[in-house]
Protein backbone atom coordinates (compact mmCIF):
# COMPACT_ATOMS: atom_id res chain seq x y z
CA UNK A 1 -10.13 33.12 17.50
CA UNK A 2 -9.59 32.00 13.96
CA UNK A 3 -6.92 32.97 11.49
CA UNK A 4 -6.86 33.76 7.79
CA UNK A 5 -4.41 32.63 5.18
CA UNK A 6 -1.79 35.40 4.95
CA UNK A 7 -2.78 37.14 1.75
CA UNK A 8 -2.38 40.89 1.63
CA UNK A 9 -5.95 40.84 0.41
CA UNK A 10 -7.67 39.61 3.59
CA UNK A 11 -8.37 40.92 7.05
CA UNK A 12 -9.67 39.22 10.20
CA UNK A 13 -12.84 40.52 11.78
CA UNK A 14 -13.99 38.64 14.90
CA UNK A 15 -14.08 34.96 13.86
CA UNK A 16 -14.89 35.49 10.18
CA UNK A 17 -12.62 36.31 7.29
CA UNK A 18 -13.79 39.12 5.02
CA UNK A 19 -11.90 38.74 1.77
CA UNK A 20 -10.79 41.44 -0.61
CA UNK A 21 -11.37 41.38 -4.33
CA UNK A 22 -10.29 38.25 -6.25
CA UNK A 23 -10.10 36.06 -3.11
CA UNK A 24 -12.76 33.86 -1.51
CA UNK A 25 -13.25 30.90 0.82
CA UNK A 26 -13.59 30.56 4.60
CA UNK A 27 -9.93 31.49 5.04
CA UNK A 28 -9.59 33.54 1.84
CA UNK A 29 -7.50 30.70 0.43
CA UNK A 30 -9.00 30.58 -3.09
CA UNK A 31 -8.22 32.99 -5.89
CA UNK A 32 -10.95 33.76 -8.41
CA UNK A 33 -8.57 34.20 -11.31
CA UNK A 34 -6.60 31.09 -12.18
CA UNK A 35 -3.55 30.78 -14.42
CA UNK A 36 -3.73 26.97 -14.54
CA UNK A 37 -5.29 25.05 -17.39
CA UNK A 38 -8.41 23.03 -16.60
CA UNK A 39 -6.47 19.74 -16.97
CA UNK A 40 -3.61 20.85 -14.73
CA UNK A 41 -6.07 22.14 -12.14
CA UNK A 42 -7.98 18.84 -12.07
CA UNK A 43 -4.78 16.79 -11.93
CA UNK A 44 -3.70 18.71 -8.83
CA UNK A 45 -7.06 17.91 -7.22
CA UNK A 46 -6.89 14.14 -7.77
CA UNK A 47 -6.39 11.89 -4.75
CA UNK A 48 -4.18 8.78 -4.74
CA UNK A 49 -6.95 6.85 -6.51
CA UNK A 50 -7.21 9.49 -9.24
CA UNK A 51 -10.62 10.79 -8.09
CA UNK A 52 -11.08 14.57 -8.21
CA UNK A 53 -11.60 15.87 -4.67
CA UNK A 54 -12.66 12.36 -3.59
CA UNK A 55 -16.13 13.08 -5.09
CA UNK A 56 -16.75 15.18 -2.00
CA UNK A 57 -15.90 18.62 -3.31
CA UNK A 58 -15.21 20.76 -6.35
CA UNK A 59 -11.87 21.70 -7.83
CA UNK A 60 -10.87 25.34 -8.21
CA UNK A 61 -7.46 26.33 -9.54
CA UNK A 62 -5.79 23.16 -8.25
CA UNK A 63 -7.41 23.31 -4.80
CA UNK A 64 -10.37 21.31 -3.52
CA UNK A 65 -13.41 23.10 -2.09
CA UNK A 66 -15.09 20.50 0.11
CA UNK A 67 -18.88 20.22 0.21
CA UNK A 68 -20.19 21.20 3.64
CA UNK A 69 -23.82 22.23 3.11
CA UNK A 70 -24.61 21.99 6.83
CA UNK A 71 -21.81 24.43 7.67
CA UNK A 72 -20.20 22.06 10.21
CA UNK A 73 -17.04 21.60 8.17
CA UNK A 74 -17.00 17.83 8.63
CA UNK A 75 -15.60 17.18 5.15
CA UNK A 76 -11.98 18.30 4.98
CA UNK A 77 -8.49 17.47 3.77
CA UNK A 78 -6.41 18.52 0.78
CA UNK A 79 -8.49 16.22 -1.42
CA UNK A 80 -11.67 16.27 0.75
CA UNK A 81 -10.68 12.77 1.79
CA UNK A 82 -11.57 13.23 5.45
CA UNK A 83 -15.16 12.64 6.56
CA UNK A 84 -15.49 13.49 10.24
CA UNK A 85 -19.11 12.29 10.20
CA UNK A 86 -17.48 8.93 11.01
CA UNK A 87 -16.60 10.35 14.44
CA UNK A 88 -20.13 11.33 15.46
CA UNK A 89 -21.64 9.30 18.25
CA UNK A 90 -24.98 7.87 17.03
CA UNK A 91 -26.73 8.43 20.37
CA UNK A 92 -25.43 11.81 21.52
CA UNK A 93 -24.38 13.24 18.17
CA UNK A 94 -21.18 14.48 19.79
CA UNK A 95 -17.79 14.18 18.11
CA UNK A 96 -16.02 11.15 19.63
CA UNK A 97 -18.66 11.03 22.36
CA UNK A 98 -17.21 14.18 23.86
CA UNK A 99 -14.17 12.17 25.06
CA UNK A 100 -11.67 12.72 22.28
CA UNK A 101 -10.79 14.54 19.10
CA UNK A 102 -11.46 13.62 15.50
CA UNK A 103 -8.73 13.65 12.87
CA UNK A 104 -9.69 12.67 9.34
CA UNK A 105 -12.56 10.42 10.39
CA UNK A 106 -10.71 8.71 13.27
CA UNK A 107 -11.24 9.33 16.97
CA UNK A 108 -8.23 9.87 19.20
CA UNK A 109 -9.53 9.32 22.70
CA UNK A 110 -8.66 11.15 25.89
CA UNK A 111 -6.88 9.20 28.63
CA UNK A 112 -9.17 6.64 30.21
CA UNK A 113 -11.47 6.29 27.21
CA UNK A 114 -11.42 3.88 24.28
CA UNK A 115 -13.56 2.51 21.46
CA UNK A 116 -14.09 3.57 17.85
CA UNK A 117 -15.93 6.65 19.11
CA UNK A 118 -14.43 6.87 22.61
CA UNK A 119 -17.62 5.40 24.05
CA UNK A 120 -16.03 3.08 26.64
CA UNK A 121 -14.30 4.08 29.85
CA UNK A 122 -11.26 2.15 31.09
CA UNK A 123 -10.97 1.46 34.84
CA UNK A 124 -7.21 0.78 34.92
CA UNK A 125 -4.28 3.15 34.58
CA UNK A 126 -2.50 3.59 31.22
CA UNK A 127 0.66 2.08 32.80
CA UNK A 128 -1.21 -1.04 33.93
CA UNK A 129 -2.88 -1.33 30.53
CA UNK A 130 0.50 -1.22 28.81
CA UNK A 131 1.97 -3.79 31.22
CA UNK A 132 -0.80 -6.30 30.53
CA UNK A 133 -0.38 -5.92 26.77
CA UNK A 134 3.41 -6.31 26.74
CA UNK A 135 4.57 -9.57 25.15
CA UNK A 136 7.55 -11.61 26.48
CA UNK A 137 9.82 -9.92 23.91
CA UNK A 138 8.90 -6.49 25.29
CA UNK A 139 6.64 -5.38 22.41
CA UNK A 140 3.10 -4.09 22.80
CA UNK A 141 0.83 -6.87 21.50
CA UNK A 142 3.91 -8.30 19.71
CA UNK A 143 3.51 -5.47 17.15
CA UNK A 144 0.61 -7.50 15.74
CA UNK A 145 -2.33 -5.85 17.46
CA UNK A 146 -3.62 -2.89 19.43
CA UNK A 147 -3.86 -2.55 23.20
CA UNK A 148 -7.24 -1.48 24.57
CA UNK A 149 -7.66 -1.23 28.32
CA UNK A 150 -5.12 -3.96 29.04
CA UNK A 151 -6.32 -6.37 26.35
CA UNK A 152 -4.80 -7.01 22.94
CA UNK A 153 -6.97 -6.96 19.84
CA UNK A 154 -4.94 -8.86 17.26
CA UNK A 155 -4.87 -7.72 13.65
CA UNK A 156 -7.29 -9.62 11.43
CA UNK A 157 -5.12 -10.30 8.39
CA UNK A 158 -7.83 -12.29 6.65
CA UNK A 159 -11.45 -11.49 7.61
CA UNK A 160 -12.64 -14.62 5.76
CA UNK A 161 -10.78 -16.75 8.29
CA UNK A 162 -9.41 -18.99 5.54
CA UNK A 163 -5.82 -17.90 5.70
CA UNK A 164 -3.74 -17.81 8.85
CA UNK A 165 -4.48 -16.37 12.22
CA UNK A 166 -2.85 -14.13 14.78
CA UNK A 167 -3.78 -14.98 18.35
CA UNK A 168 -2.59 -15.26 21.94
CA UNK A 169 -3.01 -13.00 24.97
CA UNK A 170 -0.37 -10.65 23.55
CA UNK A 171 -0.78 -11.70 19.87
CA UNK A 172 2.41 -13.72 20.21
CA UNK A 173 1.22 -16.50 17.88
CA UNK A 174 1.34 -15.85 14.14
CA UNK A 175 0.13 -18.82 12.12
CA UNK A 176 1.29 -17.10 8.93
CA UNK A 177 4.79 -18.26 9.86
CA UNK A 178 3.68 -21.82 9.17
CA UNK A 179 2.85 -21.17 5.52
CA UNK A 180 5.35 -22.05 2.85
CA UNK A 181 6.34 -19.16 0.60
CA UNK A 182 3.86 -18.79 -2.25
CA UNK A 183 1.62 -21.55 -1.01
CA UNK A 184 -1.06 -19.04 -0.10
CA UNK A 185 -3.81 -20.68 -2.12
CA UNK A 186 -3.52 -23.85 -0.04
CA UNK A 187 -5.26 -24.16 3.31
CA UNK A 188 -2.44 -26.42 4.47
CA UNK A 189 -0.03 -25.31 7.14
CA UNK A 190 3.53 -26.61 7.30
CA UNK A 191 3.42 -27.71 3.65
CA UNK A 192 0.69 -30.19 4.60
CA UNK A 193 3.27 -32.28 6.46
CA UNK A 194 2.95 -30.99 9.98
CA UNK A 195 0.94 -29.11 12.58
CA UNK A 196 1.24 -25.42 13.38
CA UNK A 197 1.55 -24.55 17.05
CA UNK A 198 1.74 -20.85 17.82
CA UNK A 199 3.55 -20.11 14.58
CA UNK A 200 5.94 -23.08 14.70
CA UNK A 201 5.72 -26.27 12.68
CA UNK A 202 5.81 -29.69 14.32
CA UNK A 203 6.61 -32.02 11.40
CA UNK A 204 5.13 -35.43 10.72
CA UNK A 205 7.40 -38.44 10.43
CA UNK A 206 9.49 -38.36 7.26
CA UNK A 207 9.62 -34.57 6.94
CA UNK A 208 11.88 -31.85 8.30
CA UNK A 209 12.59 -28.16 7.86
CA UNK A 210 11.25 -24.97 9.38
CA UNK A 211 8.05 -25.46 7.40
CA UNK A 212 8.22 -29.25 6.99
CA UNK A 213 9.04 -28.82 3.31
CA UNK A 214 12.01 -31.20 3.01
CA UNK A 215 11.46 -34.99 2.74
CA UNK A 216 13.94 -37.13 4.66
CA UNK A 217 13.79 -39.55 1.74
CA UNK A 218 15.55 -37.00 -0.47
CA UNK A 219 19.15 -37.91 -1.35
CA UNK A 220 20.10 -34.24 -1.04
CA UNK A 221 20.57 -32.43 2.23
CA UNK A 222 18.22 -29.54 2.92
CA UNK A 223 21.06 -27.06 2.24
CA UNK A 224 21.99 -28.73 -1.06
CA UNK A 225 18.34 -28.82 -2.12
CA UNK A 226 17.89 -25.11 -1.39
CA UNK A 227 21.13 -24.24 -3.20
CA UNK A 228 20.04 -26.13 -6.31
CA UNK A 229 16.68 -24.33 -6.30
CA UNK A 230 18.26 -20.89 -5.88
CA UNK A 231 20.24 -20.80 -9.11
CA UNK A 232 21.44 -17.19 -9.42
CA UNK A 233 18.89 -15.86 -6.91
CA UNK A 234 19.20 -15.34 -3.17
CA UNK A 235 15.81 -17.02 -2.73
CA UNK A 236 14.83 -20.61 -3.58
CA UNK A 237 12.94 -20.67 -6.88
CA UNK A 238 13.43 -16.89 -7.12
CA UNK A 239 10.75 -16.53 -4.44
CA UNK A 240 8.13 -17.63 -6.99
CA UNK A 241 7.76 -21.31 -6.23
CA UNK A 242 8.29 -24.19 -3.84
CA UNK A 243 11.51 -26.17 -3.62
CA UNK A 244 11.27 -29.91 -2.91
CA UNK A 245 14.42 -32.01 -3.12
CA UNK A 246 16.16 -29.58 -5.47
CA UNK A 247 13.20 -29.21 -7.87
CA UNK A 248 11.12 -26.06 -8.24
CA UNK A 249 7.37 -26.03 -8.65
CA UNK A 250 6.42 -22.56 -9.83
CA UNK A 251 3.41 -20.96 -8.19
CA UNK A 252 0.65 -20.85 -9.06
CA UNK A 253 1.14 -24.26 -10.73
CA UNK A 254 0.19 -24.43 -14.41
CA UNK A 255 0.29 -20.65 -14.66
CA UNK A 256 2.33 -20.10 -17.82
CA UNK A 257 3.27 -16.55 -16.79
CA UNK A 258 5.70 -17.90 -14.15
CA UNK A 259 8.17 -20.38 -15.62
CA UNK A 260 11.78 -21.53 -15.90
CA UNK A 261 13.90 -24.21 -14.19
CA UNK A 262 14.17 -22.05 -11.09
CA UNK A 263 11.00 -20.00 -11.76
CA UNK A 264 13.32 -17.22 -12.92
CA UNK A 265 10.83 -15.92 -15.51
CA UNK A 266 7.83 -13.93 -14.36
CA UNK A 267 6.03 -12.51 -17.37
CA UNK A 268 3.62 -10.65 -15.09
CA UNK A 269 6.44 -8.13 -14.67
CA UNK A 270 5.80 -7.03 -18.26
CA UNK A 271 2.33 -5.75 -17.38
CA UNK A 272 1.86 -2.06 -16.60
CA UNK A 273 -0.73 -0.66 -14.18
CA UNK A 274 -3.36 -0.92 -16.94
CA UNK A 275 -2.51 -4.64 -17.39
CA UNK A 276 -1.14 -3.95 -20.85
CA UNK A 277 1.86 -6.02 -21.99
CA UNK A 278 4.88 -3.78 -22.63
CA UNK A 279 2.61 -0.81 -23.23
CA UNK A 280 1.53 -2.32 -26.55
CA UNK A 281 4.94 -1.36 -27.96
CA UNK A 282 6.93 -4.56 -27.54
CA UNK A 283 6.86 -8.18 -26.39
CA UNK A 284 7.72 -9.99 -23.17
CA UNK A 285 10.69 -12.33 -22.83
CA UNK A 286 11.30 -13.98 -19.46
CA UNK A 287 9.77 -11.10 -17.53
CA UNK A 288 11.46 -8.31 -19.50
CA UNK A 289 10.08 -6.15 -22.24
CA UNK A 290 11.77 -6.13 -25.64
CA UNK A 291 10.66 -2.80 -27.12
CA UNK A 292 9.77 -2.06 -30.71
CA UNK A 293 11.77 0.54 -32.62
CA UNK A 294 11.10 4.04 -31.36
CA UNK A 295 10.17 3.04 -27.80
CA UNK A 296 12.05 2.44 -24.53
CA UNK A 297 11.49 2.02 -20.79
CA UNK A 298 10.69 -0.86 -18.46
CA UNK A 299 7.27 -1.22 -20.08
CA UNK A 300 8.17 0.41 -23.43
CA UNK A 301 6.17 3.41 -22.28
CA UNK A 302 8.43 6.20 -23.56
CA UNK A 303 8.67 7.32 -27.22
CA UNK A 304 12.21 8.11 -28.36
CA UNK A 305 11.11 11.27 -30.13
CA UNK A 306 8.12 13.61 -29.96
CA UNK A 307 6.74 16.73 -31.62
CA UNK A 308 7.17 19.32 -28.86
CA UNK A 309 9.75 21.86 -27.79
CA UNK A 310 11.94 21.43 -24.71
CA UNK A 311 9.99 24.22 -23.04
CA UNK A 312 6.65 22.53 -23.71
CA UNK A 313 8.05 19.23 -22.48
CA UNK A 314 9.43 20.74 -19.28
CA UNK A 315 6.15 22.49 -18.45
CA UNK A 316 4.38 19.11 -18.41
CA UNK A 317 6.97 17.64 -16.04
CA UNK A 318 6.87 20.39 -13.43
CA UNK A 319 5.08 19.88 -10.14
CA UNK A 320 2.94 22.61 -8.57
CA UNK A 321 6.01 24.07 -6.87
CA UNK A 322 7.83 24.36 -10.19
CA UNK A 323 10.32 21.52 -9.65
CA UNK A 324 10.93 19.22 -12.61
CA UNK A 325 10.03 15.59 -11.80
CA UNK A 326 10.19 16.35 -8.06
CA UNK A 327 13.98 16.65 -8.43
CA UNK A 328 14.22 12.86 -8.75
CA UNK A 329 14.22 12.30 -12.49
CA UNK A 330 14.58 13.81 -15.95
CA UNK A 331 11.96 15.07 -18.38
CA UNK A 332 11.49 13.50 -21.80
CA UNK A 333 8.67 14.31 -24.20
CA UNK A 334 6.55 15.75 -21.41
CA UNK A 335 6.93 12.71 -19.15
CA UNK A 336 9.16 12.05 -16.17
CA UNK A 337 11.79 9.31 -16.29
CA UNK A 338 12.62 8.57 -12.67
CA UNK A 339 16.19 7.98 -11.58
CA UNK A 340 17.21 4.35 -12.30
CA UNK A 341 19.76 4.53 -9.46
CA UNK A 342 16.87 4.74 -7.01
CA UNK A 343 14.63 1.81 -7.98
CA UNK A 344 11.95 2.80 -5.48
CA UNK A 345 11.18 6.22 -7.01
CA UNK A 346 8.06 6.17 -9.19
CA UNK A 347 4.92 8.12 -10.05
CA UNK A 348 3.89 10.50 -12.79
CA UNK A 349 6.18 13.17 -11.32
CA UNK A 350 8.58 10.77 -9.50
CA UNK A 351 6.78 11.74 -6.30
CA UNK A 352 6.26 8.21 -4.96
CA UNK A 353 8.46 6.02 -2.78
CA UNK A 354 7.78 2.34 -3.46
CA UNK A 355 9.66 1.35 -0.32
CA UNK A 356 6.40 2.21 1.44
CA UNK A 357 4.72 -0.79 -0.21
CA UNK A 358 4.17 -3.73 2.10
CA UNK A 359 6.46 -6.73 1.86
CA UNK A 360 6.02 -10.41 2.64
CA UNK A 361 8.76 -13.02 2.61
CA UNK A 362 11.10 -10.14 1.82
CA UNK A 363 9.43 -9.33 -1.48
CA UNK A 364 7.60 -6.09 -2.35
CA UNK A 365 3.90 -6.95 -2.79
CA UNK A 366 5.03 -10.57 -2.32
CA UNK A 367 5.83 -10.60 -6.04
CA UNK A 368 2.07 -10.94 -6.71
CA UNK A 369 1.37 -7.35 -7.72
CA UNK A 370 2.92 -4.02 -8.54
CA UNK A 371 3.66 -1.12 -6.23
CA UNK A 372 1.73 2.00 -7.18
CA UNK A 373 2.77 5.05 -5.19
CA UNK A 374 3.23 3.18 -1.91
CA UNK A 375 0.25 0.83 -2.30
CA UNK A 376 0.23 -2.70 -3.68
CA UNK A 377 -2.05 -3.33 -6.65
CA UNK A 378 -2.49 -7.08 -6.74
CA UNK A 379 -2.69 -9.26 -9.81
CA UNK A 380 -5.79 -11.36 -10.42
CA UNK A 381 -6.29 -14.00 -7.76
CA UNK A 382 -4.34 -12.23 -5.00
CA UNK A 383 -5.33 -9.85 -2.21
CA UNK A 384 -4.00 -8.45 1.06
CA UNK A 385 -1.94 -5.35 1.85
CA UNK A 386 1.10 -7.14 0.43
CA UNK A 387 -0.81 -9.30 -2.12
CA UNK A 388 0.06 -12.27 0.06
CA UNK A 389 -3.35 -13.96 0.14
CA UNK A 390 -4.55 -16.28 -2.62
CA UNK A 391 -8.32 -15.91 -3.18
CA UNK A 392 -9.06 -17.70 -6.44
CA UNK A 393 -10.43 -21.15 -5.78
CA UNK A 394 -10.29 -22.59 -9.29
CA UNK A 395 -8.14 -20.38 -11.54
CA UNK A 396 -7.58 -22.98 -14.20
């Protein structure tokens, strides 16, 4: 059986919905008459990347109608973001080889089967598979890989192979641990003064420290050196440079955007998502925007006054369910100002939680990008889920 969306204007006959006047769609979920403006309708149909219906459907009254010319319904999702063609077995044409179910383009295999399209059969029990994949600390593949039929497939954090490696029978070795903070553009492990063995640094003579970053020739102890580099921060060099014998070298070196005795100034923080400095309405001073008269906000993005009524302003700040700024901010001149008490709330309608952005070395987006609705958008020269990988070979 199939069901219809519960409109008083639809009835269920066999496995097809026959819609009454003003309603249409396979489940009678679309209304012909629409009270939304064209702009509002399209905005409601945009996916996280801002693409209307993921270029795989058409937008009608704030809802996406996915293109399925073959009638198989393989394109689905609120924004038509799911393509279940990815689940079709090339040989048999069956979804997940007939040994699993497809959810948004990914196969979830039945017990005893594995593979991207459930094409391989496993000859050991699920319990035995789990036992073989359990690391000494009791985690499946050390939380750094996936277990398939008793074998761990470790996450490939850098497909180029130039930066770090996760390996071991249960992915227990993480070479990333041997990299010094913000030394991602160097191929050296252990600050270039040691050898990395299963994620631990064995230092050469004359060097010490967890990552071999403190010279024994330094007159300061390691603790005193780190304290001098911290300044007012909890991290040496504000997490933006390398500390050697109490002196900070800001990273990337010679990049004028990161500066200060303890690398306390990061002028990249003044850039908005469009890479504009202080929204074009101010100037940057040590990583903070100084706004021109008539503007305010972290990036000087809000005008202090505007030519619209409170009612007009509020209508632009309401989400589809009629809540102003998702209940997490206030409306000003038709734009949402998210609560400053909750630093992680962001988005056009304060709908995003930036705590979902990946961290590295304790920093959101490793300090090398900005968090945009739960995803890191890296600055030039950086890549990775947390913008932790340096990719520019010769930036200067």
